[in-house]
Amino acid sequence: MEKLDLTTPNFTDENIQKLSELFPNCVTESSDGKSIDFDALKQELSSNIVEGNKERYRLTWPGKAESLVAANTPINKTLRPAREESKDFDNTENLYIEGDNLEVLKLLQETYLGKIKMIYIDPPYNTGKDFVYKDNFTQDKAEYDEESGSVDEEGGRLVSNPDSNGRYHSDWLSMMYPRLKLARNLLKDDGVIFISINDNEVHNLRKLCDDLFGMGNFISCFIWNQRTTGGHDSKDVNIVHEYIIAYAKSNIERGNVLNLIDSGTQYPELDEDNGRRFKWDSLWTVSHGYTENCDYDIQAPDGTRIRPYACHSDGEIMQGVARWFWSYETFIERKSELNIKKVNGIWKVYKRVYGGSGTPIKSIFDKSVVGGTSEGKSLLVETLNARNIFDNPKSSKLLMQLLERINDNETILDFFSGSATSAHAVMQLNAEDNGNRKFIMAQIPEATDEKSEAYKANYKTIAEIGKERIRRAGEKIKKDNADKEGVDNLDIGFRVLKVDSPNMKDVYFSPDNTSQDDMFDLASNIKDDRSDEDLLFMVLLDWGIDLSVKIERKEIAGKPVYFAGSDFLAACFAENLDEDFIKTLVAEKPRKVVLRDSGFASSSVKINVEQIFKQANIEVKVI
């Protein structure tokens, strides 16, 4: 039963609604919600040009300046390893990072700057039912709690964005802008980003990417026909497609961005010598102008002399019209590439046609080839042995079509990873073509609804769904491809890292604000709950070292030392380090060394150690 509305009418809102019906172009979004663009309204009501703001072609919205600040504002966070949630932690080159993806992108800036070949994301479509990130790094947690009421235990800033919100489009753009800006930094110069989207924001996303990547770097707006009947997207139209927006980082030849190859269904054969896919195509053809140099005999394995017309179903009728595709000179040079075989009792000659010879990717992905919504759901159900765990997972075949367009040893990033379809597709394609693609997944540990099937199946967060899918998918892929050469080396592991507060106590960052009364608690400048591995990954981030680097723990003069990247970095966070330990460590010939500032046996040892490292030409830092 509805309650009485005891408030007086809001005539401003009513008037705006009336004007929007007459002049929809005069309704805009401001910091206060829906409002009227009075310059536009004046122009509608005047037959002369109305002087107003200087016109320019650009995308703007209330909150754009703040979103730029959000992208540029530094954060004081770190990544902590979670071995118990990882799979094959010590050997894998894949990463799964839990946390707000804006913070993740900031933490990855130094380590992966210009190193990512492909980014794929499936962000919220802004359907009116989605949650979006609301970023404000100038507020503390308490202030943010009061404003939004939606900061979770992990610091994730998720707020609902209903279409009744006066800043409906603006809030979505403010979420996407800083993330795409930072993501662009991570791409290689020949890198590419793919973004899934639907009709709600495709127009704004195009303009946003034009702004960030440049209009000249637009590759395509792909159409994915992902179902045969429509859902509830529109009461007038059965919407059976979505879009994938693609942009390159730099304005270079498109052939250098997306490999000009077609799918394995079109080029099913693999040339073991050069690793390229190909198909067998007829060497015979029909010439509109008969060429004598292309009309010669080719000998079959049984000695039969094959003429080009004999390969046609019309046989003798094709004499004087049919010819070989190659000239005789080309045939002599390339006859080892031919395949001569009997088809229905007739000898026929076939040549190799390689993919990548100039056939670009098609602008439409069809459900019959790459799967659709139902296939994405079915694969997830099969993998996790549970239904309705995740809404609208993408088809892994669709992702594999995109992954085929990059080289097989690159790194792929997905910072809206959801159910981790991207990781699933990477492992599947690596199994099929013996590739070595690596993935970095990032996902906020968004809580699942307590009434949902996911929660009942003991998945308390979306991140838990993604991690479990990767575990199970990897094992199944390896089992299904057990007969393939090299499958034993397939990387189906992932190293879990979690965004967290810094490892160092506040005095490390702001010693001037530390009172004398606090000094008794500062025997160590490192937080009590942090492990040596936590400190190690902090150092990897600080020095920009690959977070999937191989790590080896050794005992050096009785002290634990972590070696990252073979002999590249040595880190020891133990106490009471003396000169004998340092000399033994130097003998290992690392290029960089990190030690605890309070770990030296005495101040004189610390002074001598600095000279020892200097003479050995080893860079050393302390924390």
Foldseek 3Di string as FASTA:
>chain_A
DDDDDPDDDDVQVVVLVVVCVVPVVQWAFEPVFIDGNVLVVVVVVDPDRDDDDDDDDADDHHCPVVLVCLLVPDDFWFKFFDVVLWFPQQPFQFAEEADALSNVLRLQLLQQFQAFAEEEEEDDQLLQFAKFADDDPVDDPVVLCVVAVDQDPRRTGIHGQGPVTRCSVVRRLSRVQSNVLSVLRNHHQLHKYKYKYADSCPVVVLRSCCVRQNPLFWDAWFKEQFDDFADVSDPVDRDRIITITMGTNHNDPVCSNFQQFADCVQQVDADPVPRFGKDWDFQKDWDPQQDPQQWAWDADPVGDTDTSQCQDPVRPVCPSGMGGNDGPVVCVVCVVQKDWDDDPNGITIIGIDTGRPDHHDDRYHYCVQQNHQVQQQVVLCVQVVFHQQFPRGGGLSVLLRRVNGDAQAGEYEYACCQLNSNLLSNLLVCLVSVGRYYYYYYHHQQADDCPGRNVVVVNGGSSSNNSSSLVRSNVVSLVVSVVDPPSVVRRSIYIYIYMDRHQFAPCVVPVVPDDPVCVVVPPDRGDPPDDPSSVVSRVCSVVSHSPSFRWDWDQQPNFTWIDTNQQAEIEGEAAADAPNSLVSNVVSPYQEYEYAPRRHNDPVRVVVSVVVCVVSNHHYYYD
